[in-house]
Amino acid sequence: MNGFFVAGTIVCAVALLVAVIATIIRKHPDDWALVGAIATEVFLIVYGIAAAIRQAGGDAVAGDPIEFWGYFITALIMPPVAFFWAVSEKSRWSNAVLAASALVTFVMLFRMEQIWQ
């Protein structure tokens, strides 16, 4: 377990918590729930750059690199899709989509950590 995984867990957990609370108390997505998706995406961009630098520096992926990068690309797509869904459909369920995106991103991050190790 490295620092990026811990940071990603925290970012995803906060984004999930805020989105779940917004789902319960709001009828539309608010700025805080949307910021969670943005923070998750920014983290993933930094994570991808760091992973590429680590891999280029000789710290090879222990598992299948194609599987790792496939998970990464899929995780990278999730927050923007959830963000644009929430912006275009202003309903309570948009917050639930943001929460699901944070949860799925965490699961993918966990799997990427397993593949790397």
C-alpha atoms as a PDB file:
ATOM      1  CA  MET A   1       0.000   0.000   0.000  1.00  0.00           C
ATOM      2  CA  ASN A   2       1.508   3.290  -1.069  1.00  0.00           C
ATOM      3  CA  GLY A   3       0.736   6.949  -0.476  1.00  0.00           C
ATOM      4  CA  PHE A   4      -1.184   7.318  -3.720  1.00  0.00           C
ATOM      5  CA  PHE A   5      -3.572   4.546  -2.720  1.00  0.00           C
ATOM      6  CA  VAL A   6      -4.151   6.138   0.689  1.00  0.00           C
ATOM      7  CA  ALA A   7      -4.725   9.559  -0.898  1.00  0.00           C
ATOM      8  CA  GLY A   8      -7.073   8.060  -3.479  1.00  0.00           C
ATOM      9  CA  THR A   9      -9.011   6.260  -0.771  1.00  0.00           C
ATOM     10  CA  ILE A  10      -9.470   9.514   1.125  1.00  0.00           C
ATOM     11  CA  VAL A  11     -10.526  11.455  -1.985  1.00  0.00           C
ATOM     12  CA  CYS A  12     -13.001   8.758  -3.042  1.00  0.00           C
ATOM     13  CA  ALA A  13     -14.369   8.363   0.503  1.00  0.00           C
ATOM     14  CA  VAL A  14     -14.989  12.097   0.916  1.00  0.00           C
ATOM     15  CA  ALA A  15     -16.576  12.334  -2.548  1.00  0.00           C
ATOM     16  CA  LEU A  16     -18.773   9.324  -1.738  1.00  0.00           C
ATOM     17  CA  LEU A  17     -19.812  10.690   1.655  1.00  0.00           C
ATOM     18  CA  VAL A  18     -20.695  14.124   0.284  1.00  0.00           C
ATOM     19  CA  ALA A  19     -22.662  12.622  -2.615  1.00  0.00           C
ATOM     20  CA  VAL A  20     -24.585  10.243  -0.324  1.00  0.00           C
ATOM     21  CA  ILE A  21     -25.453  13.100   2.030  1.00  0.00           C
ATOM     22  CA  ALA A  22     -26.506  15.227  -0.954  1.00  0.00           C
ATOM     23  CA  THR A  23     -28.689  12.351  -2.186  1.00  0.00           C
ATOM     24  CA  ILE A  24     -30.422  12.180   1.183  1.00  0.00           C
ATOM     25  CA  ILE A  25     -30.986  15.899   1.817  1.00  0.00           C
ATOM     26  CA  ARG A  26     -31.107  17.506  -1.640  1.00  0.00           C
ATOM     27  CA  LYS A  27     -33.341  17.233  -4.658  1.00  0.00           C
ATOM     28  CA  HIS A  28     -30.580  18.351  -7.035  1.00  0.00           C
ATOM     29  CA  PRO A  29     -26.789  18.138  -7.177  1.00  0.00           C
ATOM     30  CA  ASP A  30     -25.035  20.947  -5.359  1.00  0.00           C
ATOM     31  CA  ASP A  31     -21.540  22.341  -5.828  1.00  0.00           C
ATOM     32  CA  TRP A  32     -20.038  20.162  -3.090  1.00  0.00           C
ATOM     33  CA  ALA A  33     -21.154  16.942  -4.747  1.00  0.00           C
ATOM     34  CA  LEU A  34     -19.835  18.164  -8.109  1.00  0.00           C
ATOM     35  CA  VAL A  35     -16.505  19.173  -6.556  1.00  0.00           C
ATOM     36  CA  GLY A  36     -16.131  15.590  -5.336  1.00  0.00           C
ATOM     37  CA  ALA A  37     -16.217  14.333  -8.936  1.00  0.00           C
ATOM     38  CA  ILE A  38     -13.714  17.008  -9.975  1.00  0.00           C
ATOM     39  CA  ALA A  39     -11.369  16.142  -7.096  1.00  0.00           C
ATOM     40  CA  THR A  40     -11.558  12.460  -7.994  1.00  0.00           C
ATOM     41  CA  GLU A  41     -10.693  13.223 -11.617  1.00  0.00           C
ATOM     42  CA  VAL A  42      -7.771  15.477 -10.665  1.00  0.00           C
ATOM     43  CA  PHE A  43      -6.452  12.752  -8.373  1.00  0.00           C
ATOM     44  CA  LEU A  44      -6.688  10.190 -11.174  1.00  0.00           C
ATOM     45  CA  ILE A  45      -4.766  12.434 -13.569  1.00  0.00           C
ATOM     46  CA  VAL A  46      -1.977  12.874 -11.015  1.00  0.00           C
ATOM     47  CA  TYR A  47      -2.060   9.136 -10.262  1.00  0.00           C
ATOM     48  CA  GLY A  48      -1.738   8.300 -13.967  1.00  0.00           C
ATOM     49  CA  ILE A  49       1.218  10.628 -14.436  1.00  0.00           C
ATOM     50  CA  ALA A  50       2.930   9.170 -11.364  1.00  0.00           C
ATOM     51  CA  ALA A  51       2.231   5.611 -12.542  1.00  0.00           C
ATOM     52  CA  ALA A  52       3.704   6.358 -15.962  1.00  0.00           C
ATOM     53  CA  ILE A  53       6.811   7.889 -14.355  1.00  0.00           C
ATOM     54  CA  ARG A  54       7.172   4.907 -12.003  1.00  0.00           C
ATOM     55  CA  GLN A  55       6.814   2.459 -14.858  1.00  0.00           C
ATOM     56  CA  ALA A  56       9.279   4.364 -17.064  1.00  0.00           C
ATOM     57  CA  GLY A  57      11.708   4.506 -14.140  1.00  0.00           C
ATOM     58  CA  GLY A  58      11.859   0.730 -13.886  1.00  0.00           C
ATOM     59  CA  ASP A  59       9.211   0.061 -11.220  1.00  0.00           C
ATOM     60  CA  ALA A  60       7.287  -2.327 -13.454  1.00  0.00           C
ATOM     61  CA  VAL A  61       3.738  -3.461 -12.927  1.00  0.00           C
ATOM     62  CA  ALA A  62       3.817  -6.943 -11.366  1.00  0.00           C
ATOM     63  CA  GLY A  63       0.597  -7.976 -13.104  1.00  0.00           C
ATOM     64  CA  ASP A  64      -0.533  -7.365 -16.657  1.00  0.00           C
ATOM     65  CA  PRO A  65       0.240  -3.745 -17.657  1.00  0.00           C
ATOM     66  CA  ILE A  66      -2.578  -3.733 -20.210  1.00  0.00           C
ATOM     67  CA  GLU A  67      -5.035  -4.694 -17.483  1.00  0.00           C
ATOM     68  CA  PHE A  68      -3.654  -1.947 -15.204  1.00  0.00           C
ATOM     69  CA  TRP A  69      -3.940   0.750 -17.857  1.00  0.00           C
ATOM     70  CA  GLY A  70      -7.374  -0.544 -18.890  1.00  0.00           C
ATOM     71  CA  TYR A  71      -8.603  -0.100 -15.344  1.00  0.00           C
ATOM     72  CA  PHE A  72      -6.971   3.326 -15.229  1.00  0.00           C
ATOM     73  CA  ILE A  73      -8.618   4.542 -18.444  1.00  0.00           C
ATOM     74  CA  THR A  74     -12.001   3.237 -17.296  1.00  0.00           C
ATOM     75  CA  ALA A  75     -11.595   4.923 -13.907  1.00  0.00           C
ATOM     76  CA  LEU A  76     -10.554   8.124 -15.658  1.00  0.00           C
ATOM     77  CA  ILE A  77     -13.791   8.155 -17.659  1.00  0.00           C
ATOM     78  CA  MET A  78     -16.141   7.618 -14.686  1.00  0.00           C
ATOM     79  CA  PRO A  79     -16.015  11.013 -12.876  1.00  0.00           C
ATOM     80  CA  PRO A  80     -16.525  13.197 -15.988  1.00  0.00           C
ATOM     81  CA  VAL A  81     -19.471  11.057 -17.106  1.00  0.00           C
ATOM     82  CA  ALA A  82     -21.033  11.330 -13.634  1.00  0.00           C
ATOM     83  CA  PHE A  83     -20.297  15.075 -13.534  1.00  0.00           C
ATOM     84  CA  PHE A  84     -21.979  15.756 -16.883  1.00  0.00           C
ATOM     85  CA  TRP A  85     -24.879  13.498 -15.937  1.00  0.00           C
ATOM     86  CA  ALA A  86     -25.378  15.501 -12.731  1.00  0.00           C
ATOM     87  CA  VAL A  87     -25.149  18.835 -14.545  1.00  0.00           C
ATOM     88  CA  SER A  88     -27.570  17.816 -17.295  1.00  0.00           C
ATOM     89  CA  GLU A  89     -30.148  16.014 -15.123  1.00  0.00           C
ATOM     90  CA  LYS A  90     -30.886  18.060 -12.039  1.00  0.00           C
ATOM     91  CA  SER A  91     -32.498  15.439  -9.837  1.00  0.00           C
ATOM     92  CA  ARG A  92     -31.841  13.612  -6.579  1.00  0.00           C
ATOM     93  CA  TRP A  93     -30.588  10.614  -8.565  1.00  0.00           C
ATOM     94  CA  SER A  94     -27.792  12.660 -10.070  1.00  0.00           C
ATOM     95  CA  ASN A  95     -26.268  12.749  -6.601  1.00  0.00           C
ATOM     96  CA  ALA A  96     -26.605   8.965  -6.446  1.00  0.00           C
ATOM     97  CA  VAL A  97     -24.744   8.702  -9.764  1.00  0.00           C
ATOM     98  CA  LEU A  98     -21.951  10.862  -8.304  1.00  0.00           C
ATOM     99  CA  ALA A  99     -21.824   8.561  -5.261  1.00  0.00           C
ATOM    100  CA  ALA A 100     -21.704   5.460  -7.458  1.00  0.00           C
ATOM    101  CA  SER A 101     -18.911   7.014  -9.499  1.00  0.00           C
ATOM    102  CA  ALA A 102     -16.831   7.630  -6.374  1.00  0.00           C
ATOM    103  CA  LEU A 103     -17.414   4.081  -5.148  1.00  0.00           C
ATOM    104  CA  VAL A 104     -16.581   2.486  -8.508  1.00  0.00           C
ATOM    105  CA  THR A 105     -13.475   4.658  -8.814  1.00  0.00           C
ATOM    106  CA  PHE A 106     -12.301   3.420  -5.406  1.00  0.00           C
ATOM    107  CA  VAL A 107     -12.873  -0.211  -6.401  1.00  0.00           C
ATOM    108  CA  MET A 108     -10.893   0.326  -9.595  1.00  0.00           C
ATOM    109  CA  LEU A 109      -8.118   2.057  -7.671  1.00  0.00           C
ATOM    110  CA  PHE A 110      -7.993  -0.899  -5.274  1.00  0.00           C
ATOM    111  CA  ARG A 111      -7.764  -3.296  -8.204  1.00  0.00           C
ATOM    112  CA  MET A 112      -5.013  -1.206  -9.846  1.00  0.00           C
ATOM    113  CA  GLU A 113      -3.056  -1.378  -6.589  1.00  0.00           C
ATOM    114  CA  GLN A 114      -3.437  -5.169  -6.587  1.00  0.00           C
ATOM    115  CA  ILE A 115      -2.240  -5.428 -10.182  1.00  0.00           C
ATOM    116  CA  TRP A 116       0.748  -3.160  -9.508  1.00  0.00           C
ATOM    117  CA  GLN A 117       1.861  -5.198  -6.494  1.00  0.00           C
END
